[in-house]
PDB file of N, CA and C in Angstrom:
ATOM      1  N   MET A   1       9.678  21.155  -8.785  1.00  0.00           N
ATOM      2  CA  MET A   1       8.514  20.843  -9.175  1.00  0.00           C
ATOM      3  C   MET A   1       7.956  19.485  -8.205  1.00  0.00           C
ATOM      4  N   GLU A   2       8.844  18.413  -7.842  1.00  0.00           N
ATOM      5  CA  GLU A   2       8.447  17.421  -7.340  1.00  0.00           C
ATOM      6  C   GLU A   2       7.747  17.700  -5.794  1.00  0.00           C
ATOM      7  N   GLY A   3       8.216  18.548  -5.217  1.00  0.00           N
ATOM      8  CA  GLY A   3       7.853  19.194  -3.901  1.00  0.00           C
ATOM      9  C   GLY A   3       6.213  19.623  -3.836  1.00  0.00           C
ATOM     10  N   MET A   4       6.001  19.757  -5.103  1.00  0.00           N
ATOM     11  CA  MET A   4       4.561  20.593  -5.400  1.00  0.00           C
ATOM     12  C   MET A   4       3.476  19.607  -5.749  1.00  0.00           C
ATOM     13  N   MET A   5       4.118  18.308  -5.768  1.00  0.00           N
ATOM     14  CA  MET A   5       3.239  17.225  -6.162  1.00  0.00           C
ATOM     15  C   MET A   5       2.222  16.860  -5.261  1.00  0.00           C
ATOM     16  N   ASP A   6       0.891  16.656  -5.752  1.00  0.00           N
ATOM     17  CA  ASP A   6      -0.340  16.388  -4.890  1.00  0.00           C
ATOM     18  C   ASP A   6      -0.135  14.796  -4.338  1.00  0.00           C
ATOM     19  N   ARG A   7      -0.803  14.661  -3.195  1.00  0.00           N
ATOM     20  CA  ARG A   7      -0.798  13.264  -2.797  1.00  0.00           C
ATOM     21  C   ARG A   7      -2.231  12.834  -2.551  1.00  0.00           C
ATOM     22  N   ILE A   8      -2.563  11.481  -2.568  1.00  0.00           N
ATOM     23  CA  ILE A   8      -3.775  10.876  -2.058  1.00  0.00           C
ATOM     24  C   ILE A   8      -3.250   9.664  -1.069  1.00  0.00           C
ATOM     25  N   ILE A   9      -3.651   9.826  -0.002  1.00  0.00           N
ATOM     26  CA  ILE A   9      -3.080   8.992   1.232  1.00  0.00           C
ATOM     27  C   ILE A   9      -4.063   7.941   1.554  1.00  0.00           C
ATOM     28  N   ILE A  10      -3.942   6.679   1.850  1.00  0.00           N
ATOM     29  CA  ILE A  10      -4.836   5.575   2.258  1.00  0.00           C
ATOM     30  C   ILE A  10      -3.908   5.128   3.580  1.00  0.00           C
ATOM     31  N   ARG A  11      -4.975   5.338   4.605  1.00  0.00           N
ATOM     32  CA  ARG A  11      -4.399   5.135   6.183  1.00  0.00           C
ATOM     33  C   ARG A  11      -4.818   3.911   6.652  1.00  0.00           C
ATOM     34  N   ASP A  12      -4.237   3.235   7.416  1.00  0.00           N
ATOM     35  CA  ASP A  12      -4.477   2.118   8.188  1.00  0.00           C
ATOM     36  C   ASP A  12      -5.429   0.999   7.734  1.00  0.00           C
ATOM     37  N   LEU A  13      -4.878   0.698   6.290  1.00  0.00           N
ATOM     38  CA  LEU A  13      -5.705  -0.460   5.602  1.00  0.00           C
ATOM     39  C   LEU A  13      -5.376  -1.723   6.066  1.00  0.00           C
ATOM     40  N   LYS A  14      -6.234  -2.484   6.996  1.00  0.00           N
ATOM     41  CA  LYS A  14      -5.910  -3.679   7.581  1.00  0.00           C
ATOM     42  C   LYS A  14      -6.362  -5.009   6.510  1.00  0.00           C
ATOM     43  N   ILE A  15      -5.473  -5.768   6.153  1.00  0.00           N
ATOM     44  CA  ILE A  15      -5.609  -6.604   5.221  1.00  0.00           C
ATOM     45  C   ILE A  15      -5.070  -8.080   5.522  1.00  0.00           C
ATOM     46  N   PRO A  16      -5.638  -9.130   5.846  1.00  0.00           N
ATOM     47  CA  PRO A  16      -5.461 -10.588   6.014  1.00  0.00           C
ATOM     48  C   PRO A  16      -4.321 -11.022   4.635  1.00  0.00           C
ATOM     49  N   THR A  17      -3.178 -11.685   5.317  1.00  0.00           N
ATOM     50  CA  THR A  17      -2.623 -12.280   4.251  1.00  0.00           C
ATOM     51  C   THR A  17      -1.629 -13.176   4.768  1.00  0.00           C
ATOM     52  N   ILE A  18      -1.030 -14.101   4.005  1.00  0.00           N
ATOM     53  CA  ILE A  18      -0.007 -15.028   4.493  1.00  0.00           C
ATOM     54  C   ILE A  18       1.584 -14.329   4.470  1.00  0.00           C
ATOM     55  N   ILE A  19       2.110 -14.086   5.492  1.00  0.00           N
ATOM     56  CA  ILE A  19       3.135 -13.293   5.655  1.00  0.00           C
ATOM     57  C   ILE A  19       4.103 -13.811   6.857  1.00  0.00           C
ATOM     58  N   GLY A  20       5.482 -14.068   6.647  1.00  0.00           N
ATOM     59  CA  GLY A  20       6.454 -14.740   7.600  1.00  0.00           C
ATOM     60  C   GLY A  20       7.286 -15.778   7.060  1.00  0.00           C
ATOM     61  N   THR A  21       8.445 -15.881   7.904  1.00  0.00           N
ATOM     62  CA  THR A  21       9.353 -17.101   7.731  1.00  0.00           C
ATOM     63  C   THR A  21       9.077 -18.353   8.126  1.00  0.00           C
ATOM     64  N   PHE A  22       8.376 -18.240   9.537  1.00  0.00           N
ATOM     65  CA  PHE A  22       8.016 -19.497  10.320  1.00  0.00           C
ATOM     66  C   PHE A  22       6.952 -20.189   9.910  1.00  0.00           C
ATOM     67  N   GLU A  23       7.090 -21.512  10.039  1.00  0.00           N
ATOM     68  CA  GLU A  23       6.218 -22.505   9.467  1.00  0.00           C
ATOM     69  C   GLU A  23       4.834 -22.233  10.024  1.00  0.00           C
ATOM     70  N   TRP A  24       4.564 -21.775  11.101  1.00  0.00           N
ATOM     71  CA  TRP A  24       3.208 -21.409  11.851  1.00  0.00           C
ATOM     72  C   TRP A  24       2.694 -20.299  10.907  1.00  0.00           C
ATOM     73  N   GLU A  25       3.407 -19.482  10.412  1.00  0.00           N
ATOM     74  CA  GLU A  25       2.978 -17.879   9.751  1.00  0.00           C
ATOM     75  C   GLU A  25       2.390 -18.528   8.551  1.00  0.00           C
ATOM     76  N   ARG A  26       2.869 -19.463   7.847  1.00  0.00           N
ATOM     77  CA  ARG A  26       2.650 -20.047   6.430  1.00  0.00           C
ATOM     78  C   ARG A  26       1.383 -20.637   6.728  1.00  0.00           C
ATOM     79  N   LYS A  27       0.787 -20.833   7.744  1.00  0.00           N
ATOM     80  CA  LYS A  27      -0.528 -21.754   7.653  1.00  0.00           C
ATOM     81  C   LYS A  27      -1.837 -20.857   7.787  1.00  0.00           C
ATOM     82  N   GLU A  28      -1.692 -19.921   8.301  1.00  0.00           N
ATOM     83  CA  GLU A  28      -2.851 -18.954   8.581  1.00  0.00           C
ATOM     84  C   GLU A  28      -2.470 -17.427   8.314  1.00  0.00           C
ATOM     85  N   LYS A  29      -3.723 -16.850   7.685  1.00  0.00           N
ATOM     86  CA  LYS A  29      -3.485 -15.395   7.287  1.00  0.00           C
ATOM     87  C   LYS A  29      -3.065 -14.462   8.649  1.00  0.00           C
ATOM     88  N   GLN A  30      -2.370 -13.687   8.542  1.00  0.00           N
ATOM     89  CA  GLN A  30      -2.105 -12.622   9.271  1.00  0.00           C
ATOM     90  C   GLN A  30      -2.679 -11.127   8.933  1.00  0.00           C
ATOM     91  N   ASP A  31      -3.246 -10.135   9.836  1.00  0.00           N
ATOM     92  CA  ASP A  31      -3.333  -8.838   9.506  1.00  0.00           C
ATOM     93  C   ASP A  31      -2.068  -8.080   9.440  1.00  0.00           C
ATOM     94  N   VAL A  32      -1.873  -7.327   8.081  1.00  0.00           N
ATOM     95  CA  VAL A  32      -0.888  -6.473   8.057  1.00  0.00           C
ATOM     96  C   VAL A  32      -1.606  -5.082   7.878  1.00  0.00           C
ATOM     97  N   ILE A  33      -1.027  -4.068   8.461  1.00  0.00           N
ATOM     98  CA  ILE A  33      -1.500  -2.689   8.041  1.00  0.00           C
ATOM     99  C   ILE A  33      -0.987  -1.921   7.077  1.00  0.00           C
ATOM    100  N   LEU A  34      -1.520  -1.322   5.826  1.00  0.00           N
ATOM    101  CA  LEU A  34      -0.798  -0.574   5.203  1.00  0.00           C
ATOM    102  C   LEU A  34      -1.319   0.992   5.193  1.00  0.00           C
ATOM    103  N   ASN A  35      -0.130   1.699   4.917  1.00  0.00           N
ATOM    104  CA  ASN A  35      -0.357   3.164   4.698  1.00  0.00           C
ATOM    105  C   ASN A  35       0.286   3.341   3.428  1.00  0.00           C
ATOM    106  N   ILE A  36      -0.515   4.070   2.316  1.00  0.00           N
ATOM    107  CA  ILE A  36      -0.076   4.211   1.219  1.00  0.00           C
ATOM    108  C   ILE A  36      -0.357   5.614   0.809  1.00  0.00           C
ATOM    109  N   GLU A  37       0.837   6.122   0.259  1.00  0.00           N
ATOM    110  CA  GLU A  37       0.955   7.710  -0.277  1.00  0.00           C
ATOM    111  C   GLU A  37       1.167   7.602  -1.807  1.00  0.00           C
ATOM    112  N   ILE A  38       0.321   8.118  -2.791  1.00  0.00           N
ATOM    113  CA  ILE A  38       0.554   7.980  -4.201  1.00  0.00           C
ATOM    114  C   ILE A  38       0.747   9.521  -4.539  1.00  0.00           C
ATOM    115  N   SER A  39       1.557   9.878  -5.281  1.00  0.00           N
ATOM    116  CA  SER A  39       1.698  11.327  -5.876  1.00  0.00           C
ATOM    117  C   SER A  39       1.144  11.620  -7.134  1.00  0.00           C
ATOM    118  N   CYS A  40       0.285  12.356  -7.199  1.00  0.00           N
ATOM    119  CA  CYS A  40      -0.581  12.521  -8.552  1.00  0.00           C
ATOM    120  C   CYS A  40      -0.852  13.907  -8.763  1.00  0.00           C
ATOM    121  N   GLU A  41      -1.437  14.325  -9.759  1.00  0.00           N
ATOM    122  CA  GLU A  41      -1.840  15.541 -10.227  1.00  0.00           C
ATOM    123  C   GLU A  41      -3.396  15.688 -10.020  1.00  0.00           C
ATOM    124  N   LEU A  42      -3.575  16.600  -8.922  1.00  0.00           N
ATOM    125  CA  LEU A  42      -5.059  16.633  -8.611  1.00  0.00           C
ATOM    126  C   LEU A  42      -5.579  17.943  -8.959  1.00  0.00           C
ATOM    127  N   ARG A  43      -5.149  18.955  -9.329  1.00  0.00           N
ATOM    128  CA  ARG A  43      -5.578  20.044  -9.679  1.00  0.00           C
ATOM    129  C   ARG A  43      -6.909  20.035 -10.760  1.00  0.00           C
ATOM    130  N   LYS A  44      -6.620  19.097 -11.628  1.00  0.00           N
ATOM    131  CA  LYS A  44      -7.933  19.098 -12.636  1.00  0.00           C
ATOM    132  C   LYS A  44      -9.060  18.557 -11.884  1.00  0.00           C
ATOM    133  N   ALA A  45      -9.021  17.467 -11.214  1.00  0.00           N
ATOM    134  CA  ALA A  45     -10.082  16.932 -10.412  1.00  0.00           C
ATOM    135  C   ALA A  45     -10.811  18.045  -9.299  1.00  0.00           C
ATOM    136  N   GLY A  46      -9.709  18.542  -8.734  1.00  0.00           N
ATOM    137  CA  GLY A  46     -10.059  19.769  -7.734  1.00  0.00           C
ATOM    138  C   GLY A  46     -10.892  20.706  -8.362  1.00  0.00           C
ATOM    139  N   LYS A  47     -10.554  20.958  -9.705  1.00  0.00           N
ATOM    140  CA  LYS A  47     -11.516  22.066 -10.395  1.00  0.00           C
ATOM    141  C   LYS A  47     -12.729  21.532 -11.025  1.00  0.00           C
ATOM    142  N   SER A  48     -12.778  20.409 -11.458  1.00  0.00           N
ATOM    143  CA  SER A  48     -13.970  19.773 -12.285  1.00  0.00           C
ATOM    144  C   SER A  48     -14.934  18.897 -11.232  1.00  0.00           C
ATOM    145  N   ASP A  49     -14.350  18.599 -10.183  1.00  0.00           N
ATOM    146  CA  ASP A  49     -15.055  17.749  -9.199  1.00  0.00           C
ATOM    147  C   ASP A  49     -15.815  16.455  -9.907  1.00  0.00           C
ATOM    148  N   LYS A  50     -14.894  15.765 -10.758  1.00  0.00           N
ATOM    149  CA  LYS A  50     -15.054  14.684 -11.531  1.00  0.00           C
ATOM    150  C   LYS A  50     -14.166  13.617 -11.256  1.00  0.00           C
ATOM    151  N   LEU A  51     -14.754  12.561 -10.967  1.00  0.00           N
ATOM    152  CA  LEU A  51     -13.868  11.341 -10.799  1.00  0.00           C
ATOM    153  C   LEU A  51     -13.030  10.874 -11.789  1.00  0.00           C
ATOM    154  N   ASP A  52     -13.491  10.873 -13.094  1.00  0.00           N
ATOM    155  CA  ASP A  52     -12.563  10.953 -14.140  1.00  0.00           C
ATOM    156  C   ASP A  52     -11.309  11.715 -14.120  1.00  0.00           C
ATOM    157  N   ASP A  53     -11.354  12.648 -13.410  1.00  0.00           N
ATOM    158  CA  ASP A  53      -9.849  13.767 -13.467  1.00  0.00           C
ATOM    159  C   ASP A  53      -9.170  13.259 -12.389  1.00  0.00           C
ATOM    160  N   THR A  54      -9.422  12.196 -11.454  1.00  0.00           N
ATOM    161  CA  THR A  54      -8.286  11.743 -10.433  1.00  0.00           C
ATOM    162  C   THR A  54      -8.031  10.237 -10.560  1.00  0.00           C
ATOM    163  N   VAL A  55      -7.186  10.222  -9.603  1.00  0.00           N
ATOM    164  CA  VAL A  55      -6.902   8.447  -9.174  1.00  0.00           C
ATOM    165  C   VAL A  55      -8.049   7.997  -8.424  1.00  0.00           C
ATOM    166  N   ASP A  56      -8.557   6.835  -8.967  1.00  0.00           N
ATOM    167  CA  ASP A  56      -9.933   6.468  -8.187  1.00  0.00           C
ATOM    168  C   ASP A  56      -9.184   5.536  -7.263  1.00  0.00           C
ATOM    169  N   TYR A  57      -9.444   6.047  -5.979  1.00  0.00           N
ATOM    170  CA  TYR A  57      -8.566   5.469  -4.674  1.00  0.00           C
ATOM    171  C   TYR A  57      -9.420   4.322  -4.145  1.00  0.00           C
ATOM    172  N   LYS A  58     -10.907   4.336  -4.627  1.00  0.00           N
ATOM    173  CA  LYS A  58     -11.564   3.178  -4.303  1.00  0.00           C
ATOM    174  C   LYS A  58     -11.093   1.810  -4.977  1.00  0.00           C
ATOM    175  N   THR A  59     -11.085   1.976  -6.105  1.00  0.00           N
ATOM    176  CA  THR A  59     -10.560   0.892  -7.169  1.00  0.00           C
ATOM    177  C   THR A  59      -9.140   0.511  -6.862  1.00  0.00           C
ATOM    178  N   LEU A  60      -8.220   1.762  -6.321  1.00  0.00           N
ATOM    179  CA  LEU A  60      -7.030   1.222  -6.026  1.00  0.00           C
ATOM    180  C   LEU A  60      -6.880   0.305  -4.796  1.00  0.00           C
ATOM    181  N   LYS A  61      -7.613   0.719  -3.836  1.00  0.00           N
ATOM    182  CA  LYS A  61      -7.730   0.200  -2.639  1.00  0.00           C
ATOM    183  C   LYS A  61      -8.264  -1.488  -2.758  1.00  0.00           C
ATOM    184  N   LYS A  62      -9.193  -1.556  -3.825  1.00  0.00           N
ATOM    185  CA  LYS A  62      -9.862  -3.224  -3.908  1.00  0.00           C
ATOM    186  C   LYS A  62      -8.646  -3.847  -4.828  1.00  0.00           C
ATOM    187  N   ARG A  63      -8.002  -3.136  -5.615  1.00  0.00           N
ATOM    188  CA  ARG A  63      -6.845  -3.879  -6.375  1.00  0.00           C
ATOM    189  C   ARG A  63      -5.886  -4.322  -5.125  1.00  0.00           C
ATOM    190  N   ILE A  64      -5.420  -3.443  -4.197  1.00  0.00           N
ATOM    191  CA  ILE A  64      -4.309  -3.928  -3.266  1.00  0.00           C
ATOM    192  C   ILE A  64      -4.686  -4.742  -2.259  1.00  0.00           C
ATOM    193  N   ILE A  65      -6.036  -4.741  -2.209  1.00  0.00           N
ATOM    194  CA  ILE A  65      -6.601  -5.749  -1.195  1.00  0.00           C
ATOM    195  C   ILE A  65      -6.465  -7.181  -2.066  1.00  0.00           C
ATOM    196  N   GLY A  66      -6.938  -7.148  -3.207  1.00  0.00           N
ATOM    197  CA  GLY A  66      -6.952  -8.596  -4.010  1.00  0.00           C
ATOM    198  C   GLY A  66      -5.610  -8.951  -4.128  1.00  0.00           C
ATOM    199  N   LEU A  67      -4.533  -8.058  -4.283  1.00  0.00           N
ATOM    200  CA  LEU A  67      -3.215  -8.433  -4.475  1.00  0.00           C
ATOM    201  C   LEU A  67      -2.667  -9.228  -3.008  1.00  0.00           C
ATOM    202  N   MET A  68      -2.865  -8.450  -2.113  1.00  0.00           N
ATOM    203  CA  MET A  68      -2.391  -8.749  -0.604  1.00  0.00           C
ATOM    204  C   MET A  68      -3.169 -10.375  -0.324  1.00  0.00           C
ATOM    205  N   VAL A  69      -4.482 -10.648  -0.268  1.00  0.00           N
ATOM    206  CA  VAL A  69      -5.472 -11.480  -0.086  1.00  0.00           C
ATOM    207  C   VAL A  69      -4.895 -12.769  -0.815  1.00  0.00           C
ATOM    208  N   ASN A  70      -4.577 -12.397  -1.926  1.00  0.00           N
ATOM    209  CA  ASN A  70      -3.956 -13.702  -2.734  1.00  0.00           C
ATOM    210  C   ASN A  70      -2.798 -13.789  -2.920  1.00  0.00           C
ATOM    211  N   SER A  71      -1.906 -13.390  -2.301  1.00  0.00           N
ATOM    212  CA  SER A  71      -0.423 -13.540  -2.208  1.00  0.00           C
ATOM    213  C   SER A  71      -0.102 -14.297  -0.990  1.00  0.00           C
ATOM    214  N   GLU A  72       1.071 -14.621  -1.094  1.00  0.00           N
ATOM    215  CA  GLU A  72       2.031 -15.251  -0.021  1.00  0.00           C
ATOM    216  C   GLU A  72       3.231 -14.821   0.179  1.00  0.00           C
ATOM    217  N   TYR A  73       3.929 -14.023   1.032  1.00  0.00           N
ATOM    218  CA  TYR A  73       4.875 -13.311   1.293  1.00  0.00           C
ATOM    219  C   TYR A  73       5.539 -14.089   2.296  1.00  0.00           C
ATOM    220  N   PHE A  74       7.134 -13.916   2.398  1.00  0.00           N
ATOM    221  CA  PHE A  74       7.953 -14.491   3.287  1.00  0.00           C
ATOM    222  C   PHE A  74       8.389 -12.921   4.141  1.00  0.00           C
ATOM    223  N   LEU A  75       8.652 -12.050   3.519  1.00  0.00           N
ATOM    224  CA  LEU A  75       9.201 -10.880   3.940  1.00  0.00           C
ATOM    225  C   LEU A  75       8.084  -9.335   3.712  1.00  0.00           C
ATOM    226  N   ILE A  76       7.916  -8.693   4.877  1.00  0.00           N
ATOM    227  CA  ILE A  76       7.121  -7.418   4.520  1.00  0.00           C
ATOM    228  C   ILE A  76       7.663  -6.605   3.463  1.00  0.00           C
ATOM    229  N   GLU A  77       9.438  -6.822   3.327  1.00  0.00           N
ATOM    230  CA  GLU A  77       9.629  -5.923   2.233  1.00  0.00           C
ATOM    231  C   GLU A  77       9.276  -6.280   0.912  1.00  0.00           C
ATOM    232  N   LYS A  78       8.942  -7.579   0.402  1.00  0.00           N
ATOM    233  CA  LYS A  78       8.324  -8.237  -0.584  1.00  0.00           C
ATOM    234  C   LYS A  78       7.009  -7.309  -0.688  1.00  0.00           C
ATOM    235  N   ALA A  79       6.145  -7.699   0.265  1.00  0.00           N
ATOM    236  CA  ALA A  79       4.960  -7.115   0.110  1.00  0.00           C
ATOM    237  C   ALA A  79       4.824  -5.662   0.022  1.00  0.00           C
ATOM    238  N   ALA A  80       5.767  -4.902   0.738  1.00  0.00           N
ATOM    239  CA  ALA A  80       5.709  -3.099   0.205  1.00  0.00           C
ATOM    240  C   ALA A  80       5.888  -3.040  -1.237  1.00  0.00           C
ATOM    241  N   GLU A  81       6.990  -3.714  -1.564  1.00  0.00           N
ATOM    242  CA  GLU A  81       7.490  -3.723  -3.285  1.00  0.00           C
ATOM    243  C   GLU A  81       6.217  -4.025  -4.104  1.00  0.00           C
ATOM    244  N   SER A  82       5.419  -5.085  -3.658  1.00  0.00           N
ATOM    245  CA  SER A  82       4.275  -5.315  -4.547  1.00  0.00           C
ATOM    246  C   SER A  82       3.407  -4.308  -4.730  1.00  0.00           C
ATOM    247  N   VAL A  83       3.052  -3.809  -3.473  1.00  0.00           N
ATOM    248  CA  VAL A  83       1.947  -2.656  -3.683  1.00  0.00           C
ATOM    249  C   VAL A  83       2.368  -1.616  -4.169  1.00  0.00           C
ATOM    250  N   ALA A  84       3.737  -1.020  -3.994  1.00  0.00           N
ATOM    251  CA  ALA A  84       4.262  -0.027  -4.742  1.00  0.00           C
ATOM    252  C   ALA A  84       4.151  -0.326  -6.350  1.00  0.00           C
ATOM    253  N   GLU A  85       4.579  -1.371  -6.589  1.00  0.00           N
ATOM    254  CA  GLU A  85       4.602  -1.710  -8.335  1.00  0.00           C
ATOM    255  C   GLU A  85       2.921  -1.660  -8.642  1.00  0.00           C
ATOM    256  N   LEU A  86       1.798  -2.140  -7.726  1.00  0.00           N
ATOM    257  CA  LEU A  86       0.569  -2.195  -8.208  1.00  0.00           C
ATOM    258  C   LEU A  86       0.372  -0.559  -8.427  1.00  0.00           C
ATOM    259  N   CYS A  87       0.623   0.323  -7.434  1.00  0.00           N
ATOM    260  CA  CYS A  87       0.220   1.645  -7.452  1.00  0.00           C
ATOM    261  C   CYS A  87       0.938   2.363  -8.594  1.00  0.00           C
ATOM    262  N   LEU A  88       1.949   1.964  -9.020  1.00  0.00           N
ATOM    263  CA  LEU A  88       2.675   2.754  -9.888  1.00  0.00           C
ATOM    264  C   LEU A  88       2.210   2.333 -11.546  1.00  0.00           C
ATOM    265  N   ALA A  89       1.864   1.184 -11.276  1.00  0.00           N
ATOM    266  CA  ALA A  89       1.166   0.647 -12.635  1.00  0.00           C
ATOM    267  C   ALA A  89      -0.375   1.607 -12.853  1.00  0.00           C
ATOM    268  N   THR A  90      -0.580   2.314 -11.886  1.00  0.00           N
ATOM    269  CA  THR A  90      -1.933   2.968 -12.024  1.00  0.00           C
ATOM    270  C   THR A  90      -1.909   4.150 -12.749  1.00  0.00           C
ATOM    271  N   PRO A  91      -2.858   4.507 -13.761  1.00  0.00           N
ATOM    272  CA  PRO A  91      -2.420   5.685 -14.360  1.00  0.00           C
ATOM    273  C   PRO A  91      -2.613   6.898 -13.679  1.00  0.00           C
ATOM    274  N   GLY A  92      -1.659   7.784 -13.753  1.00  0.00           N
ATOM    275  CA  GLY A  92      -1.784   9.148 -13.093  1.00  0.00           C
ATOM    276  C   GLY A  92      -0.778   8.988 -11.757  1.00  0.00           C
ATOM    277  N   VAL A  93      -0.377   7.875 -11.293  1.00  0.00           N
ATOM    278  CA  VAL A  93       0.436   7.745 -10.433  1.00  0.00           C
ATOM    279  C   VAL A  93       1.685   7.872 -10.761  1.00  0.00           C
ATOM    280  N   VAL A  94       2.689   8.952 -10.124  1.00  0.00           N
ATOM    281  CA  VAL A  94       3.820   9.276 -10.571  1.00  0.00           C
ATOM    282  C   VAL A  94       5.046   8.832  -9.267  1.00  0.00           C
ATOM    283  N   LYS A  95       4.508   8.387  -7.908  1.00  0.00           N
ATOM    284  CA  LYS A  95       5.333   8.191  -7.088  1.00  0.00           C
ATOM    285  C   LYS A  95       4.385   7.189  -6.167  1.00  0.00           C
ATOM    286  N   ALA A  96       5.111   6.438  -5.417  1.00  0.00           N
ATOM    287  CA  ALA A  96       4.382   5.817  -4.152  1.00  0.00           C
ATOM    288  C   ALA A  96       5.386   5.345  -2.960  1.00  0.00           C
ATOM    289  N   LYS A  97       4.436   5.824  -2.016  1.00  0.00           N
ATOM    290  CA  LYS A  97       5.292   5.537  -0.818  1.00  0.00           C
ATOM    291  C   LYS A  97       4.180   4.515   0.200  1.00  0.00           C
ATOM    292  N   VAL A  98       4.778   3.388   0.489  1.00  0.00           N
ATOM    293  CA  VAL A  98       4.084   2.179   1.135  1.00  0.00           C
ATOM    294  C   VAL A  98       4.680   1.834   2.489  1.00  0.00           C
ATOM    295  N   THR A  99       3.910   1.913   3.568  1.00  0.00           N
ATOM    296  CA  THR A  99       4.384   1.412   4.939  1.00  0.00           C
ATOM    297  C   THR A  99       3.605  -0.032   4.870  1.00  0.00           C
ATOM    298  N   VAL A 100       4.312  -1.121   5.479  1.00  0.00           N
ATOM    299  CA  VAL A 100       3.763  -2.360   5.541  1.00  0.00           C
ATOM    300  C   VAL A 100       3.956  -2.626   7.272  1.00  0.00           C
ATOM    301  N   ASP A 101       3.062  -2.461   8.055  1.00  0.00           N
ATOM    302  CA  ASP A 101       3.014  -2.845   9.301  1.00  0.00           C
ATOM    303  C   ASP A 101       2.793  -4.254   9.440  1.00  0.00           C
ATOM    304  N   LYS A 102       3.548  -4.965  10.654  1.00  0.00           N
ATOM    305  CA  LYS A 102       3.239  -6.462  10.992  1.00  0.00           C
ATOM    306  C   LYS A 102       3.164  -6.390  12.422  1.00  0.00           C
ATOM    307  N   PRO A 103       1.861  -6.247  12.784  1.00  0.00           N
ATOM    308  CA  PRO A 103       1.717  -6.140  14.406  1.00  0.00           C
ATOM    309  C   PRO A 103       2.093  -7.577  14.819  1.00  0.00           C
ATOM    310  N   GLY A 104       2.540  -7.175  16.189  1.00  0.00           N
ATOM    311  CA  GLY A 104       3.051  -8.598  16.488  1.00  0.00           C
ATOM    312  C   GLY A 104       4.091  -9.352  16.464  1.00  0.00           C
ATOM    313  N   ALA A 105       4.821  -8.832  15.446  1.00  0.00           N
ATOM    314  CA  ALA A 105       6.005  -9.411  14.868  1.00  0.00           C
ATOM    315  C   ALA A 105       7.334  -9.618  15.921  1.00  0.00           C
ATOM    316  N   LEU A 106       7.430  -8.758  16.599  1.00  0.00           N
ATOM    317  CA  LEU A 106       8.395  -8.727  17.587  1.00  0.00           C
ATOM    318  C   LEU A 106       7.980  -8.593  19.073  1.00  0.00           C
ATOM    319  N   ARG A 107       8.470  -9.628  20.138  1.00  0.00           N
ATOM    320  CA  ARG A 107       7.966  -9.403  21.230  1.00  0.00           C
ATOM    321  C   ARG A 107       8.249  -8.136  22.017  1.00  0.00           C
ATOM    322  N   TYR A 108       7.589  -7.651  22.761  1.00  0.00           N
ATOM    323  CA  TYR A 108       7.603  -6.445  23.368  1.00  0.00           C
ATOM    324  C   TYR A 108       7.452  -5.178  22.484  1.00  0.00           C
ATOM    325  N   ALA A 109       7.208  -5.263  21.637  1.00  0.00           N
ATOM    326  CA  ALA A 109       6.980  -4.427  20.537  1.00  0.00           C
ATOM    327  C   ALA A 109       5.561  -4.325  19.785  1.00  0.00           C
ATOM    328  N   ARG A 110       4.923  -3.193  19.489  1.00  0.00           N
ATOM    329  CA  ARG A 110       3.555  -3.411  18.964  1.00  0.00           C
ATOM    330  C   ARG A 110       3.465  -3.854  17.457  1.00  0.00           C
ATOM    331  N   SER A 111       4.505  -3.622  16.986  1.00  0.00           N
ATOM    332  CA  SER A 111       4.748  -3.730  15.517  1.00  0.00           C
ATOM    333  C   SER A 111       5.958  -3.860  14.940  1.00  0.00           C
ATOM    334  N   VAL A 112       6.447  -4.368  13.847  1.00  0.00           N
ATOM    335  CA  VAL A 112       7.566  -3.901  12.916  1.00  0.00           C
ATOM    336  C   VAL A 112       7.010  -3.451  11.475  1.00  0.00           C
ATOM    337  N   ALA A 113       7.517  -2.424  11.023  1.00  0.00           N
ATOM    338  CA  ALA A 113       7.084  -1.838   9.858  1.00  0.00           C
ATOM    339  C   ALA A 113       8.331  -1.708   8.944  1.00  0.00           C
ATOM    340  N   VAL A 114       8.151  -1.618   7.562  1.00  0.00           N
ATOM    341  CA  VAL A 114       9.233  -1.075   6.586  1.00  0.00           C
ATOM    342  C   VAL A 114       8.238  -0.360   5.694  1.00  0.00           C
ATOM    343  N   GLU A 115       8.666   0.929   5.537  1.00  0.00           N
ATOM    344  CA  GLU A 115       8.562   1.774   4.510  1.00  0.00           C
ATOM    345  C   GLU A 115       9.363   2.087   3.007  1.00  0.00           C
ATOM    346  N   ILE A 116       8.775   2.120   2.177  1.00  0.00           N
ATOM    347  CA  ILE A 116       9.559   2.194   0.907  1.00  0.00           C
ATOM    348  C   ILE A 116       8.833   3.135   0.000  1.00  0.00           C
ATOM    349  N   GLU A 117       9.875   4.090  -0.610  1.00  0.00           N
ATOM    350  CA  GLU A 117       9.301   5.067  -1.570  1.00  0.00           C
ATOM    351  C   GLU A 117       9.769   4.602  -3.073  1.00  0.00           C
ATOM    352  N   ARG A 118       9.109   4.768  -3.942  1.00  0.00           N
ATOM    353  CA  ARG A 118       9.380   4.307  -5.431  1.00  0.00           C
ATOM    354  C   ARG A 118       8.954   5.464  -6.193  1.00  0.00           C
ATOM    355  N   PRO A 119       9.601   6.103  -7.421  1.00  0.00           N
ATOM    356  CA  PRO A 119       9.387   6.962  -8.452  1.00  0.00           C
ATOM    357  C   PRO A 119       8.790   6.008  -9.567  1.00  0.00           C
TER     358      PRO A 119
END
């Protein structure tokens, strides 16, 4: 049954946050890019065409932005875990896959990212 679960995907959500272990990273917000995939049942909304029958992804996006903007992280792993927990606390969400991409984190690389999946 899990293979048949529907998904809502939020792609390339750019959010400024304090993230990193170096002193200079703790002083100024840096953009991170989030990709979020939540598993939920969408059949009812697909038939009714009503927002009340689905996960309101605009509201979820606002909550994720609020969390990230008002938090300070040392590790992208912790940021990913926090976002996954927020998603899973949303009614109707049964699984969350979160990628946190930190541009410019490594010399000669576009970015470094972590991806976690939580039931």
